[in-house]
Amino acid sequence: MTRLLITEVPGAARTAKHAAAPGLPTQPLPDQNGETPMVAQAIYHQASQRTGFRVQLVAAPVDIIARRHREGQSVSQITRYLRAHLGPENPVASRSFVEWVITATGGEGR
């Protein structure tokens, strides 16, 4: 069964399955140049090997590190953020891992 969202414009209805809920992320937003920043798949695989976690588990922290660095946060700020959310024993929250991700992603943004 498919539910349709009713809109004022005929033919503009979309299925509820594909509608984004308010406040939930959909896609990465373009930066100042209009490009959508992305991290290379090879970096996810290298991060997986460094930490021992599956690629699916390290992808989000790697993206967070790259984005926060691009926004101008320092290594210390990013490390504190990750430790607060992931725990101090998590290898993804170590300063050396944060520095490695910034170097691997090109250290862009500073």
C-alpha atoms as a PDB file:
ATOM      1  CA  MET A   1       0.000   0.000   0.000  1.00  0.00           C
ATOM      2  CA  THR A   2       1.367   3.410  -0.949  1.00  0.00           C
ATOM      3  CA  ARG A   3       0.374   6.571   0.851  1.00  0.00           C
ATOM      4  CA  LEU A   4       0.465   9.814  -1.069  1.00  0.00           C
ATOM      5  CA  LEU A   5       1.146  13.231   0.333  1.00  0.00           C
ATOM      6  CA  ILE A   6      -1.570  15.610  -0.716  1.00  0.00           C
ATOM      7  CA  THR A   7      -0.352  18.971  -1.986  1.00  0.00           C
ATOM      8  CA  GLU A   8      -2.068  21.974  -3.480  1.00  0.00           C
ATOM      9  CA  VAL A   9      -0.377  21.403  -6.834  1.00  0.00           C
ATOM     10  CA  PRO A  10      -1.972  18.548  -8.794  1.00  0.00           C
ATOM     11  CA  GLY A  11       0.511  15.909  -9.850  1.00  0.00           C
ATOM     12  CA  ALA A  12       3.047  17.001  -7.227  1.00  0.00           C
ATOM     13  CA  ALA A  13       2.195  14.228  -4.782  1.00  0.00           C
ATOM     14  CA  ARG A  14       5.074  11.994  -3.702  1.00  0.00           C
ATOM     15  CA  THR A  15       4.989   8.748  -1.859  1.00  0.00           C
ATOM     16  CA  ALA A  16       5.345   9.083   1.883  1.00  0.00           C
ATOM     17  CA  LYS A  17       8.235   6.619   1.767  1.00  0.00           C
ATOM     18  CA  HIS A  18      10.432   9.133  -0.061  1.00  0.00           C
ATOM     19  CA  ALA A  19       9.393  12.233   1.853  1.00  0.00           C
ATOM     20  CA  ALA A  20      12.019  13.595   4.241  1.00  0.00           C
ATOM     21  CA  ALA A  21      10.835  14.156   7.773  1.00  0.00           C
ATOM     22  CA  PRO A  22      11.456  17.649   9.127  1.00  0.00           C
ATOM     23  CA  GLY A  23      14.842  17.943  10.799  1.00  0.00           C
ATOM     24  CA  LEU A  24      16.312  14.757   9.345  1.00  0.00           C
ATOM     25  CA  PRO A  25      19.302  14.960   7.020  1.00  0.00           C
ATOM     26  CA  THR A  26      18.781  13.964   3.418  1.00  0.00           C
ATOM     27  CA  GLN A  27      21.988  14.638   1.479  1.00  0.00           C
ATOM     28  CA  PRO A  28      25.208  16.521   2.269  1.00  0.00           C
ATOM     29  CA  LEU A  29      24.806  20.213   1.569  1.00  0.00           C
ATOM     30  CA  PRO A  30      26.973  21.868  -1.088  1.00  0.00           C
ATOM     31  CA  ASP A  31      29.866  24.008   0.118  1.00  0.00           C
ATOM     32  CA  GLN A  32      30.637  27.584  -0.978  1.00  0.00           C
ATOM     33  CA  ASN A  33      31.773  26.390  -4.422  1.00  0.00           C
ATOM     34  CA  GLY A  34      28.559  24.471  -5.001  1.00  0.00           C
ATOM     35  CA  GLU A  35      30.327  21.113  -4.685  1.00  0.00           C
ATOM     36  CA  THR A  36      29.121  18.366  -2.395  1.00  0.00           C
ATOM     37  CA  PRO A  37      32.057  17.317  -0.190  1.00  0.00           C
ATOM     38  CA  MET A  38      32.671  13.591  -0.062  1.00  0.00           C
ATOM     39  CA  VAL A  39      35.319  11.318   1.373  1.00  0.00           C
ATOM     40  CA  ALA A  40      36.925   8.744  -0.922  1.00  0.00           C
ATOM     41  CA  GLN A  41      35.908   5.119  -0.388  1.00  0.00           C
ATOM     42  CA  ALA A  42      39.575   4.144  -0.027  1.00  0.00           C
ATOM     43  CA  ILE A  43      39.821   6.285   3.118  1.00  0.00           C
ATOM     44  CA  TYR A  44      36.876   4.423   4.659  1.00  0.00           C
ATOM     45  CA  HIS A  45      38.606   1.106   3.988  1.00  0.00           C
ATOM     46  CA  GLN A  46      41.921   2.334   5.410  1.00  0.00           C
ATOM     47  CA  ALA A  47      40.108   3.655   8.491  1.00  0.00           C
ATOM     48  CA  SER A  48      38.432   0.286   8.866  1.00  0.00           C
ATOM     49  CA  GLN A  49      41.811  -1.453   8.818  1.00  0.00           C
ATOM     50  CA  ARG A  50      43.299   1.028  11.307  1.00  0.00           C
ATOM     51  CA  THR A  51      40.477   0.614  13.834  1.00  0.00           C
ATOM     52  CA  GLY A  52      39.373  -2.970  13.243  1.00  0.00           C
ATOM     53  CA  PHE A  53      35.752  -1.844  12.759  1.00  0.00           C
ATOM     54  CA  ARG A  54      33.606  -2.508   9.702  1.00  0.00           C
ATOM     55  CA  VAL A  55      33.551   0.149   6.977  1.00  0.00           C
ATOM     56  CA  GLN A  56      29.913   0.944   7.758  1.00  0.00           C
ATOM     57  CA  LEU A  57      30.840   1.800  11.344  1.00  0.00           C
ATOM     58  CA  VAL A  58      33.782   4.091  10.576  1.00  0.00           C
ATOM     59  CA  ALA A  59      32.179   5.946   7.662  1.00  0.00           C
ATOM     60  CA  ALA A  60      30.116   8.279   9.844  1.00  0.00           C
ATOM     61  CA  PRO A  61      32.955   9.309  12.206  1.00  0.00           C
ATOM     62  CA  VAL A  62      35.288   9.867   9.227  1.00  0.00           C
ATOM     63  CA  ASP A  63      32.672  12.103   7.603  1.00  0.00           C
ATOM     64  CA  ILE A  64      32.191  13.985  10.884  1.00  0.00           C
ATOM     65  CA  ILE A  65      35.924  14.543  11.281  1.00  0.00           C
ATOM     66  CA  ALA A  66      36.330  15.757   7.695  1.00  0.00           C
ATOM     67  CA  ARG A  67      33.295  18.053   7.898  1.00  0.00           C
ATOM     68  CA  ARG A  68      34.209  19.586  11.255  1.00  0.00           C
ATOM     69  CA  HIS A  69      37.767  20.227  10.090  1.00  0.00           C
ATOM     70  CA  ARG A  70      36.439  21.814   6.898  1.00  0.00           C
ATOM     71  CA  GLU A  71      34.256  24.053   9.106  1.00  0.00           C
ATOM     72  CA  GLY A  72      37.387  25.242  10.927  1.00  0.00           C
ATOM     73  CA  GLN A  73      37.478  23.178  14.113  1.00  0.00           C
ATOM     74  CA  SER A  74      40.848  22.129  15.503  1.00  0.00           C
ATOM     75  CA  VAL A  75      42.043  18.574  16.084  1.00  0.00           C
ATOM     76  CA  SER A  76      41.555  19.041  19.837  1.00  0.00           C
ATOM     77  CA  GLN A  77      37.962  20.219  19.421  1.00  0.00           C
ATOM     78  CA  ILE A  78      37.089  17.319  17.130  1.00  0.00           C
ATOM     79  CA  THR A  79      38.767  14.810  19.465  1.00  0.00           C
ATOM     80  CA  ARG A  80      36.854  16.144  22.489  1.00  0.00           C
ATOM     81  CA  TYR A  81      33.581  15.940  20.533  1.00  0.00           C
ATOM     82  CA  LEU A  82      34.199  12.321  19.524  1.00  0.00           C
ATOM     83  CA  ARG A  83      35.285  11.292  23.023  1.00  0.00           C
ATOM     84  CA  ALA A  84      32.149  12.833  24.483  1.00  0.00           C
ATOM     85  CA  HIS A  85      29.900  10.957  22.059  1.00  0.00           C
ATOM     86  CA  LEU A  86      31.779   7.691  21.464  1.00  0.00           C
ATOM     87  CA  GLY A  87      33.723   7.255  24.695  1.00  0.00           C
ATOM     88  CA  PRO A  88      37.399   7.801  25.473  1.00  0.00           C
ATOM     89  CA  GLU A  89      38.375   4.162  24.791  1.00  0.00           C
ATOM     90  CA  ASN A  90      37.014   4.166  21.240  1.00  0.00           C
ATOM     91  CA  PRO A  91      39.913   4.143  18.748  1.00  0.00           C
ATOM     92  CA  VAL A  92      37.962   6.473  16.434  1.00  0.00           C
ATOM     93  CA  ALA A  93      38.025   9.114  19.177  1.00  0.00           C
ATOM     94  CA  SER A  94      41.817   9.119  19.526  1.00  0.00           C
ATOM     95  CA  ARG A  95      43.811  12.186  18.574  1.00  0.00           C
ATOM     96  CA  SER A  96      46.063  10.157  16.280  1.00  0.00           C
ATOM     97  CA  PHE A  97      43.056   8.846  14.326  1.00  0.00           C
ATOM     98  CA  VAL A  98      41.585  12.345  13.965  1.00  0.00           C
ATOM     99  CA  GLU A  99      44.947  13.652  12.708  1.00  0.00           C
ATOM    100  CA  TRP A 100      45.208  10.741  10.276  1.00  0.00           C
ATOM    101  CA  VAL A 101      41.732  11.388   8.824  1.00  0.00           C
ATOM    102  CA  ILE A 102      42.510  15.083   8.360  1.00  0.00           C
ATOM    103  CA  THR A 103      45.763  14.224   6.588  1.00  0.00           C
ATOM    104  CA  ALA A 104      44.105  11.484   4.482  1.00  0.00           C
ATOM    105  CA  THR A 105      41.299  13.779   3.355  1.00  0.00           C
ATOM    106  CA  GLY A 106      43.796  16.411   2.288  1.00  0.00           C
ATOM    107  CA  GLY A 107      43.451  18.679   5.320  1.00  0.00           C
ATOM    108  CA  GLU A 108      41.173  20.912   3.321  1.00  0.00           C
ATOM    109  CA  GLY A 109      39.458  23.849   4.928  1.00  0.00           C
ATOM    110  CA  ARG A 110      42.366  25.494   6.763  1.00  0.00           C
END
